[in-house]
Protein backbone atom coordinates (compact mmCIF):
# COMPACT_ATOMS: atom_id res chain seq x y z
CA MET A 1 0.08 -0.12 -0.25
CA PRO A 2 1.57 3.10 -1.04
CA VAL A 3 2.69 5.64 1.68
CA SER A 4 0.73 9.41 1.08
CA ASN A 5 2.78 12.42 0.79
CA LEU A 6 1.99 13.79 4.60
CA ASN A 7 3.30 10.11 5.48
CA ALA A 8 6.37 10.96 2.85
CA ARG A 9 7.06 14.18 4.75
CA VAL A 10 6.93 12.89 7.93
CA ALA A 11 9.16 9.94 6.94
CA PHE A 12 11.54 12.44 5.41
CA ALA A 13 11.20 14.60 8.34
CA ILE A 14 12.02 11.64 11.08
CA GLY A 15 15.49 10.88 8.93
CA ALA A 16 16.32 14.56 9.07
CA VAL A 17 15.87 14.79 12.60
CA VAL A 18 17.86 12.04 13.05
CA CYS A 19 20.53 13.49 11.58
CA ALA A 20 20.26 16.72 13.13
CA LEU A 21 20.21 15.26 16.59
CA LEU A 22 23.64 13.14 15.72
CA LEU A 23 25.30 16.03 14.36
CA ALA A 24 23.97 18.03 17.60
CA TYR A 25 25.75 15.31 19.33
CA GLY A 26 28.92 15.50 17.37
CA PHE A 27 29.46 19.55 18.42
CA PHE A 28 28.55 18.71 21.96
CA LEU A 29 31.32 16.14 22.35
CA GLN A 30 33.69 18.87 20.41
CA TYR A 31 32.71 21.82 22.34
CA VAL A 32 31.40 20.99 25.33
CA GLN A 33 33.66 17.82 26.02
CA GLY A 34 36.59 19.08 23.98
CA LEU A 35 37.28 16.68 21.74
CA GLU A 36 38.60 17.61 18.05
CA PRO A 37 37.26 16.05 15.32
CA CYS A 38 39.87 14.16 13.23
CA PRO A 39 40.30 14.65 9.46
CA LEU A 40 38.14 11.81 8.48
CA CYS A 41 35.54 12.58 10.99
CA LEU A 42 34.87 15.96 9.42
CA VAL A 43 34.33 14.00 6.62
CA GLN A 44 31.57 12.02 8.42
CA ARG A 45 30.54 15.00 9.34
CA GLY A 46 30.06 16.06 5.71
CA PHE A 47 27.95 13.14 4.66
CA PHE A 48 25.46 13.45 7.69
CA PHE A 49 24.82 17.25 6.69
CA ALA A 50 24.09 15.81 2.91
CA VAL A 51 22.10 13.39 3.96
CA LEU A 52 20.35 15.75 6.83
CA GLY A 53 20.08 18.00 3.32
CA VAL A 54 18.41 15.67 1.32
CA PHE A 55 16.28 15.00 3.98
CA VAL A 56 14.69 18.24 4.46
CA ILE A 57 14.39 18.93 1.13
CA ALA A 58 12.48 15.60 1.00
CA ALA A 59 10.51 16.70 3.67
CA LEU A 60 9.69 20.23 2.35
CA HIS A 61 9.07 19.39 -1.32
CA ALA A 62 6.18 16.34 -0.11
CA PRO A 63 7.58 14.32 -3.81
CA GLY A 64 5.47 11.14 -5.16
CA ARG A 65 6.31 8.05 -5.49
CA ARG A 66 9.09 8.60 -8.34
CA GLY A 67 10.48 11.87 -6.16
CA THR A 68 10.60 9.46 -3.10
CA MET A 69 12.32 6.94 -4.83
CA VAL A 70 14.71 9.66 -6.11
CA TYR A 71 15.33 11.16 -2.61
CA SER A 72 15.67 7.94 -1.09
CA ALA A 73 18.35 6.85 -3.73
CA LEU A 74 20.19 10.09 -2.95
CA ALA A 75 20.15 9.95 0.84
CA ALA A 76 21.41 6.54 0.65
CA LEU A 77 24.21 6.98 -1.28
CA PHE A 78 25.34 9.90 0.99
CA ALA A 79 24.95 7.26 3.57
CA LEU A 80 26.74 4.65 1.77
CA GLY A 81 29.74 7.51 1.73
CA GLY A 82 29.68 7.97 4.87
CA ALA A 83 29.71 4.48 5.99
CA ALA A 84 32.71 3.55 3.97
CA VAL A 85 34.20 6.73 5.13
CA ALA A 86 33.26 5.78 9.33
CA GLY A 87 34.46 1.88 8.12
CA ARG A 88 38.12 3.52 6.74
CA GLN A 89 38.39 4.99 10.75
CA VAL A 90 37.15 2.06 12.26
CA TRP A 91 39.75 0.00 10.30
CA LEU A 92 42.05 2.36 11.38
CA GLN A 93 41.51 2.03 14.74
CA HIS A 94 41.90 -1.27 15.12
CA LEU A 95 45.68 -1.32 12.95
CA PRO A 96 48.47 -2.07 15.23
CA ALA A 97 50.14 0.98 16.78
CA ALA A 98 52.97 0.67 14.30
CA LYS A 99 50.98 0.06 11.09
CA GLY A 100 48.87 2.94 11.44
CA PRO A 101 49.49 6.05 9.69
CA PRO A 102 51.62 8.95 11.17
CA CYS A 103 49.93 11.96 12.54
CA GLY A 104 49.37 15.16 10.00
CA PRO A 105 48.72 18.82 10.51
CA ASP A 106 45.31 20.08 11.23
CA LEU A 107 42.73 20.96 8.36
CA TYR A 108 42.96 24.42 9.03
CA PHE A 109 47.01 24.74 8.71
CA MET A 110 46.65 22.30 5.50
CA LEU A 111 44.34 24.62 3.99
CA GLU A 112 46.35 27.45 4.04
CA ASN A 113 49.42 25.86 3.46
CA PHE A 114 48.82 22.19 1.01
CA PRO A 115 47.56 22.24 -2.42
CA LEU A 116 43.73 21.50 -1.94
CA SER A 117 44.30 17.89 -4.16
CA ARG A 118 47.10 16.60 -1.25
CA VAL A 119 44.53 18.31 1.74
CA TRP A 120 41.53 15.56 0.56
CA LYS A 121 43.76 13.04 0.07
CA THR A 122 44.50 13.36 3.85
CA LEU A 123 40.95 14.00 4.70
CA LEU A 124 40.12 10.67 2.89
CA SER A 125 42.76 8.40 3.59
CA GLY A 126 43.17 9.62 7.43
CA THR A 127 46.03 10.59 9.80
CA GLY A 128 47.29 9.24 13.04
CA GLU A 129 44.57 11.30 15.20
CA CYS A 130 41.74 9.27 12.73
CA ALA A 131 43.64 5.77 14.58
CA ALA A 132 43.08 7.20 18.21
CA VAL A 133 40.16 6.23 20.51
CA PRO A 134 39.20 9.01 22.60
CA TRP A 135 35.35 8.12 23.46
CA THR A 136 33.81 4.77 23.42
CA PHE A 137 30.39 4.07 24.37
CA LEU A 138 29.06 0.44 24.76
CA GLY A 139 32.22 -0.78 23.22
CA LEU A 140 32.11 1.48 19.85
CA SER A 141 34.31 4.45 19.65
CA ILE A 142 32.63 7.53 17.45
CA ALA A 143 33.74 5.96 14.11
CA GLY A 144 31.98 2.83 14.85
CA TRP A 145 28.98 4.89 16.11
CA SER A 146 28.75 6.79 12.61
CA LEU A 147 29.17 3.11 11.08
CA VAL A 148 26.06 2.03 12.68
CA TRP A 149 24.42 5.04 12.25
CA PHE A 150 24.99 5.41 8.42
CA VAL A 151 24.08 1.66 7.90
CA VAL A 152 20.50 2.58 9.76
CA LEU A 153 20.18 5.57 7.28
CA VAL A 154 20.93 3.36 4.65
CA VAL A 155 18.26 0.89 5.34
CA TYR A 156 15.83 3.64 6.55
CA ALA A 157 15.78 5.62 2.94
CA ILE A 158 16.23 1.65 0.98
CA TRP A 159 12.82 1.29 3.09
CA MET A 160 10.94 4.51 2.27
CA ALA A 161 11.66 3.96 -1.31
CA SER A 162 10.11 0.53 -0.94
CA GLN A 163 7.24 2.03 0.43
CA ARG A 164 6.26 3.78 -2.39
CA ALA A 165 7.24 1.22 -5.24
C-alpha cells in the first residue's frame, strides 16, 4: 500500500531529525567535551549534513512515488559514502600502532599551506589522529557509532523507497 505525501513528509522529516540530533551530539562532543574531530570525522560530518540536506529538501517537497525514490536513493548514496569513510576509520582504529598512519597537521593548517589535492587525499585516507579512540560507548568508538548510524540511514532510505514502489 503506497504511503501518502503527508506520510512521506513525516518519514523524511524523521530522517532529518535523526541526522540533526547526531550532528548536534558531534558538536556537543567537540565544543562541550573538548574532543577535536579528526580529518575522517570531518568528512563523516559532511556526509551527515548531506543526508540531512536531502531529507530536509524531500520533507519540504513532499514528493510523489518517483520523487521519493530519487530522494531516498540520494540519501542512501550519501549514507553509503559516510559508511565507507566511517568503516575506514574503524579499520584504522583496529590497526596495530606501528602500522597506523603518521599524525599530520590539522585541517586549517593544511588548507592554508597545502594544495587542495593533498588536503583531499589526507582527508579521505586519514591520519594518526583518526586511529585514536578518545571516546567509547558500549564498546564502540565515535567512528563505530557513525558506521552503525550510516547503515541505519541506508536501510531507512531503502525502506522509504520500497514503501512508495
